[in-house]
Structure formats: C-alpha cells, structure tokens
PDB file of N, CA and C in Angstrom:
ATOM      1  N   UNK A   1      41.374 140.181 141.764  1.00  0.00           N
ATOM      2  CA  UNK A   1      41.454 138.868 142.390  1.00  0.00           C
ATOM      3  C   UNK A   1      42.866 138.287 142.339  1.00  0.00           C
ATOM      4  N   UNK A   2      43.816 139.020 141.802  1.00  0.00           N
ATOM      5  CA  UNK A   2      45.198 138.558 141.750  1.00  0.00           C
ATOM      6  C   UNK A   2      45.556 137.764 140.511  1.00  0.00           C
ATOM      7  N   UNK A   3      44.590 137.549 139.599  1.00  0.00           N
ATOM      8  CA  UNK A   3      44.888 136.808 138.378  1.00  0.00           C
ATOM      9  C   UNK A   3      45.524 137.715 137.337  1.00  0.00           C
ATOM     10  N   UNK A   4      46.526 137.186 136.671  1.00  0.00           N
ATOM     11  CA  UNK A   4      47.132 137.861 135.533  1.00  0.00           C
ATOM     12  C   UNK A   4      47.129 136.848 134.392  1.00  0.00           C
ATOM     13  N   UNK A   5      46.798 137.331 133.206  1.00  0.00           N
ATOM     14  CA  UNK A   5      46.714 136.462 132.049  1.00  0.00           C
ATOM     15  C   UNK A   5      47.378 137.156 130.876  1.00  0.00           C
ATOM     16  N   UNK A   6      48.163 136.415 130.108  1.00  0.00           N
ATOM     17  CA  UNK A   6      48.766 137.002 128.920  1.00  0.00           C
ATOM     18  C   UNK A   6      48.869 135.955 127.833  1.00  0.00           C
ATOM     19  N   UNK A   7      48.886 136.440 126.610  1.00  0.00           N
ATOM     20  CA  UNK A   7      48.913 135.591 125.428  1.00  0.00           C
ATOM     21  C   UNK A   7      50.165 135.894 124.628  1.00  0.00           C
ATOM     22  N   UNK A   8      50.832 134.836 124.175  1.00  0.00           N
ATOM     23  CA  UNK A   8      52.036 134.994 123.370  1.00  0.00           C
ATOM     24  C   UNK A   8      51.798 134.421 121.974  1.00  0.00           C
ATOM     25  N   UNK A   9      52.545 134.899 121.009  1.00  0.00           N
ATOM     26  CA  UNK A   9      52.547 134.282 119.685  1.00  0.00           C
ATOM     27  C   UNK A   9      53.265 132.950 119.794  1.00  0.00           C
ATOM     28  N   UNK A  10      52.782 131.958 119.059  1.00  0.00           N
ATOM     29  CA  UNK A  10      53.351 130.621 119.162  1.00  0.00           C
ATOM     30  C   UNK A  10      53.385 129.960 117.795  1.00  0.00           C
ATOM     31  N   UNK A  11      54.158 128.894 117.714  1.00  0.00           N
ATOM     32  CA  UNK A  11      54.222 128.066 116.524  1.00  0.00           C
ATOM     33  C   UNK A  11      53.528 126.747 116.841  1.00  0.00           C
ATOM     34  N   UNK A  12      52.553 126.388 116.018  1.00  0.00           N
ATOM     35  CA  UNK A  12      51.801 125.152 116.249  1.00  0.00           C
ATOM     36  C   UNK A  12      52.771 123.976 116.354  1.00  0.00           C
ATOM     37  N   UNK A  13      52.571 123.148 117.387  1.00  0.00           N
ATOM     38  CA  UNK A  13      53.392 121.960 117.601  1.00  0.00           C
ATOM     39  C   UNK A  13      54.612 122.190 118.467  1.00  0.00           C
ATOM     40  N   UNK A  14      54.976 123.447 118.721  1.00  0.00           N
ATOM     41  CA  UNK A  14      56.112 123.748 119.591  1.00  0.00           C
ATOM     42  C   UNK A  14      55.666 123.761 121.049  1.00  0.00           C
ATOM     43  N   UNK A  15      56.608 123.489 121.962  1.00  0.00           N
ATOM     44  CA  UNK A  15      56.318 123.387 123.389  1.00  0.00           C
ATOM     45  C   UNK A  15      56.871 124.608 124.112  1.00  0.00           C
ATOM     46  N   UNK A  16      56.041 125.191 125.002  1.00  0.00           N
ATOM     47  CA  UNK A  16      56.395 126.416 125.732  1.00  0.00           C
ATOM     48  C   UNK A  16      56.253 126.198 127.232  1.00  0.00           C
ATOM     49  N   UNK A  17      57.192 126.766 127.976  1.00  0.00           N
ATOM     50  CA  UNK A  17      57.142 126.698 129.443  1.00  0.00           C
ATOM     51  C   UNK A  17      57.222 128.113 130.004  1.00  0.00           C
ATOM     52  N   UNK A  18      56.366 128.386 130.973  1.00  0.00           N
ATOM     53  CA  UNK A  18      56.363 129.663 131.676  1.00  0.00           C
ATOM     54  C   UNK A  18      57.212 129.538 132.935  1.00  0.00           C
ATOM     55  N   UNK A  19      58.040 130.546 133.181  1.00  0.00           N
ATOM     56  CA  UNK A  19      58.837 130.615 134.402  1.00  0.00           C
ATOM     57  C   UNK A  19      58.655 131.997 135.008  1.00  0.00           C
ATOM     58  N   UNK A  20      58.911 132.122 136.321  1.00  0.00           N
ATOM     59  CA  UNK A  20      58.734 133.421 136.966  1.00  0.00           C
ATOM     60  C   UNK A  20      59.724 133.630 138.096  1.00  0.00           C
ATOM     61  N   UNK A  21      59.851 134.905 138.465  1.00  0.00           N
ATOM     62  CA  UNK A  21      60.566 135.347 139.663  1.00  0.00           C
ATOM     63  C   UNK A  21      59.685 136.379 140.340  1.00  0.00           C
ATOM     64  N   UNK A  22      59.738 136.434 141.652  1.00  0.00           N
ATOM     65  CA  UNK A  22      59.028 137.481 142.380  1.00  0.00           C
ATOM     66  C   UNK A  22      59.911 138.699 142.585  1.00  0.00           C
ATOM     67  N   UNK A  23      61.222 138.549 142.306  1.00  0.00           N
ATOM     68  CA  UNK A  23      62.186 139.635 142.461  1.00  0.00           C
ATOM     69  C   UNK A  23      63.316 139.382 141.467  1.00  0.00           C
ATOM     70  N   UNK A  24      63.715 140.383 140.708  1.00  0.00           N
ATOM     71  CA  UNK A  24      64.784 140.198 139.727  1.00  0.00           C
ATOM     72  C   UNK A  24      66.114 139.815 140.367  1.00  0.00           C
ATOM     73  N   UNK A  25      66.284 140.109 141.658  1.00  0.00           N
ATOM     74  CA  UNK A  25      67.520 139.754 142.348  1.00  0.00           C
ATOM     75  C   UNK A  25      67.594 138.275 142.706  1.00  0.00           C
ATOM     76  N   UNK A  26      66.493 137.537 142.587  1.00  0.00           N
ATOM     77  CA  UNK A  26      66.522 136.098 142.827  1.00  0.00           C
ATOM     78  C   UNK A  26      67.428 135.455 141.797  1.00  0.00           C
ATOM     79  N   UNK A  27      68.201 134.479 142.228  1.00  0.00           N
ATOM     80  CA  UNK A  27      69.152 133.847 141.324  1.00  0.00           C
ATOM     81  C   UNK A  27      68.477 132.944 140.299  1.00  0.00           C
ATOM     82  N   UNK A  28      67.489 132.179 140.727  1.00  0.00           N
ATOM     83  CA  UNK A  28      66.879 131.171 139.860  1.00  0.00           C
ATOM     84  C   UNK A  28      65.451 131.527 139.478  1.00  0.00           C
ATOM     85  N   UNK A  29      65.058 131.052 138.294  1.00  0.00           N
ATOM     86  CA  UNK A  29      63.679 131.157 137.848  1.00  0.00           C
ATOM     87  C   UNK A  29      62.920 129.951 138.397  1.00  0.00           C
ATOM     88  N   UNK A  30      61.634 130.140 138.683  1.00  0.00           N
ATOM     89  CA  UNK A  30      60.766 129.069 139.161  1.00  0.00           C
ATOM     90  C   UNK A  30      59.864 128.629 138.022  1.00  0.00           C
ATOM     91  N   UNK A  31      59.767 127.317 137.820  1.00  0.00           N
ATOM     92  CA  UNK A  31      58.844 126.799 136.805  1.00  0.00           C
ATOM     93  C   UNK A  31      57.430 127.093 137.240  1.00  0.00           C
ATOM     94  N   UNK A  32      56.621 127.518 136.302  1.00  0.00           N
ATOM     95  CA  UNK A  32      55.197 127.704 136.567  1.00  0.00           C
ATOM     96  C   UNK A  32      54.616 126.348 136.946  1.00  0.00           C
ATOM     97  N   UNK A  33      53.649 126.315 137.853  1.00  0.00           N
ATOM     98  CA  UNK A  33      53.156 125.038 138.371  1.00  0.00           C
ATOM     99  C   UNK A  33      52.496 124.113 137.354  1.00  0.00           C
ATOM    100  N   UNK A  34      52.175 124.582 136.163  1.00  0.00           N
ATOM    101  CA  UNK A  34      51.567 123.694 135.181  1.00  0.00           C
ATOM    102  C   UNK A  34      52.648 123.117 134.278  1.00  0.00           C
ATOM    103  N   UNK A  35      52.384 121.974 133.652  1.00  0.00           N
ATOM    104  CA  UNK A  35      53.383 121.409 132.744  1.00  0.00           C
ATOM    105  C   UNK A  35      53.535 122.281 131.499  1.00  0.00           C
ATOM    106  N   UNK A  36      54.613 122.083 130.754  1.00  0.00           N
ATOM    107  CA  UNK A  36      54.780 122.822 129.494  1.00  0.00           C
ATOM    108  C   UNK A  36      53.563 122.627 128.590  1.00  0.00           C
ATOM    109  N   UNK A  37      53.343 123.607 127.716  1.00  0.00           N
ATOM    110  CA  UNK A  37      52.165 123.619 126.844  1.00  0.00           C
ATOM    111  C   UNK A  37      52.617 123.435 125.400  1.00  0.00           C
ATOM    112  N   UNK A  38      51.968 122.503 124.705  1.00  0.00           N
ATOM    113  CA  UNK A  38      52.194 122.343 123.267  1.00  0.00           C
ATOM    114  C   UNK A  38      51.162 123.203 122.552  1.00  0.00           C
ATOM    115  N   UNK A  39      51.631 124.120 121.718  1.00  0.00           N
ATOM    116  CA  UNK A  39      50.732 125.044 121.023  1.00  0.00           C
ATOM    117  C   UNK A  39      49.890 124.289 119.995  1.00  0.00           C
ATOM    118  N   UNK A  40      48.573 124.514 120.050  1.00  0.00           N
ATOM    119  CA  UNK A  40      47.680 123.930 119.044  1.00  0.00           C
ATOM    120  C   UNK A  40      47.055 125.018 118.175  1.00  0.00           C
ATOM    121  N   UNK A  41      47.561 126.262 118.349  1.00  0.00           N
ATOM    122  CA  UNK A  41      47.146 127.384 117.509  1.00  0.00           C
ATOM    123  C   UNK A  41      48.311 128.374 117.465  1.00  0.00           C
ATOM    124  N   UNK A  42      48.079 129.532 116.870  1.00  0.00           N
ATOM    125  CA  UNK A  42      49.163 130.513 116.726  1.00  0.00           C
ATOM    126  C   UNK A  42      49.399 131.337 117.991  1.00  0.00           C
ATOM    127  N   UNK A  43      48.653 131.056 119.056  1.00  0.00           N
ATOM    128  CA  UNK A  43      48.854 131.733 120.341  1.00  0.00           C
ATOM    129  C   UNK A  43      48.741 130.726 121.485  1.00  0.00           C
ATOM    130  N   UNK A  44      49.383 131.073 122.602  1.00  0.00           N
ATOM    131  CA  UNK A  44      49.271 130.315 123.848  1.00  0.00           C
ATOM    132  C   UNK A  44      48.962 131.325 124.942  1.00  0.00           C
ATOM    133  N   UNK A  45      47.996 131.007 125.792  1.00  0.00           N
ATOM    134  CA  UNK A  45      47.632 131.888 126.902  1.00  0.00           C
ATOM    135  C   UNK A  45      48.017 131.240 128.224  1.00  0.00           C
ATOM    136  N   UNK A  46      48.644 132.029 129.083  1.00  0.00           N
ATOM    137  CA  UNK A  46      49.001 131.600 130.429  1.00  0.00           C
ATOM    138  C   UNK A  46      48.225 132.457 131.420  1.00  0.00           C
ATOM    139  N   UNK A  47      47.751 131.856 132.493  1.00  0.00           N
ATOM    140  CA  UNK A  47      47.063 132.583 133.561  1.00  0.00           C
ATOM    141  C   UNK A  47      47.701 132.184 134.881  1.00  0.00           C
ATOM    142  N   UNK A  48      47.980 133.176 135.724  1.00  0.00           N
ATOM    143  CA  UNK A  48      48.616 132.951 137.023  1.00  0.00           C
ATOM    144  C   UNK A  48      47.892 133.785 138.067  1.00  0.00           C
ATOM    145  N   UNK A  49      47.899 133.306 139.291  1.00  0.00           N
ATOM    146  CA  UNK A  49      47.395 134.086 140.419  1.00  0.00           C
ATOM    147  C   UNK A  49      48.603 134.489 141.246  1.00  0.00           C
ATOM    148  N   UNK A  50      48.906 135.791 141.275  1.00  0.00           N
ATOM    149  CA  UNK A  50      50.111 136.264 141.967  1.00  0.00           C
ATOM    150  C   UNK A  50      49.920 136.375 143.474  1.00  0.00           C
ATOM    151  N   UNK A  51      48.700 136.171 143.949  1.00  0.00           N
ATOM    152  CA  UNK A  51      48.457 136.190 145.386  1.00  0.00           C
ATOM    153  C   UNK A  51      48.886 137.485 146.021  1.00  0.00           C
ATOM    154  N   UNK A  52      49.671 137.380 147.074  1.00  0.00           N
ATOM    155  CA  UNK A  52      50.094 138.556 147.838  1.00  0.00           C
ATOM    156  C   UNK A  52      51.342 139.214 147.269  1.00  0.00           C
ATOM    157  N   UNK A  53      51.895 138.674 146.185  1.00  0.00           N
ATOM    158  CA  UNK A  53      53.109 139.255 145.608  1.00  0.00           C
ATOM    159  C   UNK A  53      52.780 140.561 144.901  1.00  0.00           C
ATOM    160  N   UNK A  54      53.481 141.647 145.229  1.00  0.00           N
ATOM    161  CA  UNK A  54      53.184 142.926 144.590  1.00  0.00           C
ATOM    162  C   UNK A  54      53.606 142.975 143.129  1.00  0.00           C
ATOM    163  N   UNK A  55      54.516 142.072 142.740  1.00  0.00           N
ATOM    164  CA  UNK A  55      54.962 142.021 141.352  1.00  0.00           C
ATOM    165  C   UNK A  55      55.453 140.614 141.060  1.00  0.00           C
ATOM    166  N   UNK A  56      55.505 140.277 139.804  1.00  0.00           N
ATOM    167  CA  UNK A  56      56.071 139.001 139.372  1.00  0.00           C
ATOM    168  C   UNK A  56      56.610 139.212 137.965  1.00  0.00           C
ATOM    169  N   UNK A  57      57.798 138.683 137.707  1.00  0.00           N
ATOM    170  CA  UNK A  57      58.454 138.816 136.421  1.00  0.00           C
ATOM    171  C   UNK A  57      58.371 137.458 135.725  1.00  0.00           C
ATOM    172  N   UNK A  58      57.989 137.465 134.455  1.00  0.00           N
ATOM    173  CA  UNK A  58      57.796 136.222 133.716  1.00  0.00           C
ATOM    174  C   UNK A  58      58.747 136.140 132.532  1.00  0.00           C
ATOM    175  N   UNK A  59      59.018 134.904 132.143  1.00  0.00           N
ATOM    176  CA  UNK A  59      59.644 134.631 130.862  1.00  0.00           C
ATOM    177  C   UNK A  59      59.038 133.349 130.321  1.00  0.00           C
ATOM    178  N   UNK A  60      58.974 133.254 129.007  1.00  0.00           N
ATOM    179  CA  UNK A  60      58.450 132.069 128.346  1.00  0.00           C
ATOM    180  C   UNK A  60      59.562 131.483 127.504  1.00  0.00           C
ATOM    181  N   UNK A  61      59.785 130.185 127.663  1.00  0.00           N
ATOM    182  CA  UNK A  61      60.820 129.498 126.908  1.00  0.00           C
ATOM    183  C   UNK A  61      60.172 128.555 125.899  1.00  0.00           C
ATOM    184  N   UNK A  62      60.702 128.549 124.688  1.00  0.00           N
ATOM    185  CA  UNK A  62      60.310 127.534 123.715  1.00  0.00           C
ATOM    186  C   UNK A  62      61.277 126.381 123.908  1.00  0.00           C
ATOM    187  N   UNK A  63      60.752 125.204 124.193  1.00  0.00           N
ATOM    188  CA  UNK A  63      61.607 124.071 124.568  1.00  0.00           C
ATOM    189  C   UNK A  63      62.097 123.239 123.401  1.00  0.00           C
ATOM    190  N   UNK A  64      61.500 123.397 122.224  1.00  0.00           N
ATOM    191  CA  UNK A  64      61.937 122.598 121.075  1.00  0.00           C
ATOM    192  C   UNK A  64      61.980 123.422 119.801  1.00  0.00           C
TER     193      UNK A  64
END
C-alpha cells in the first residue's frame, strides 16, 4: 500500500523531526508533514506513505 514504518531509539523528553528526499541529488531535505515528535518512551515510530515514489531517503534529527 506504499506505507513504510520505522522505529528509532530515542531519549525520553527529546524532540525528533523526520526529513526526507526522493533523490539524493536534491539539494534540500523536506520536512515530514507531521510536527516534530517529543519522545515519551525509549523509541519513536514514524510512518510515511511514499505513494508513487520508487524510493525515499530519510533522516531523523534530534532538535534539542
């Protein structure tokens, strides 16, 4: 169905933002459409629907 989901290790109380590119040659990263997530456990899960994109590259930033 085009959904991809992944879980990262996190620190409780820290804020994480998901960003993506559809091609590594793109100059800028795109913010994931949801707001940053404050971890309330030792993991954070992100789910995305890549639609018609054959690939998508992700990175997760800890903001604080």
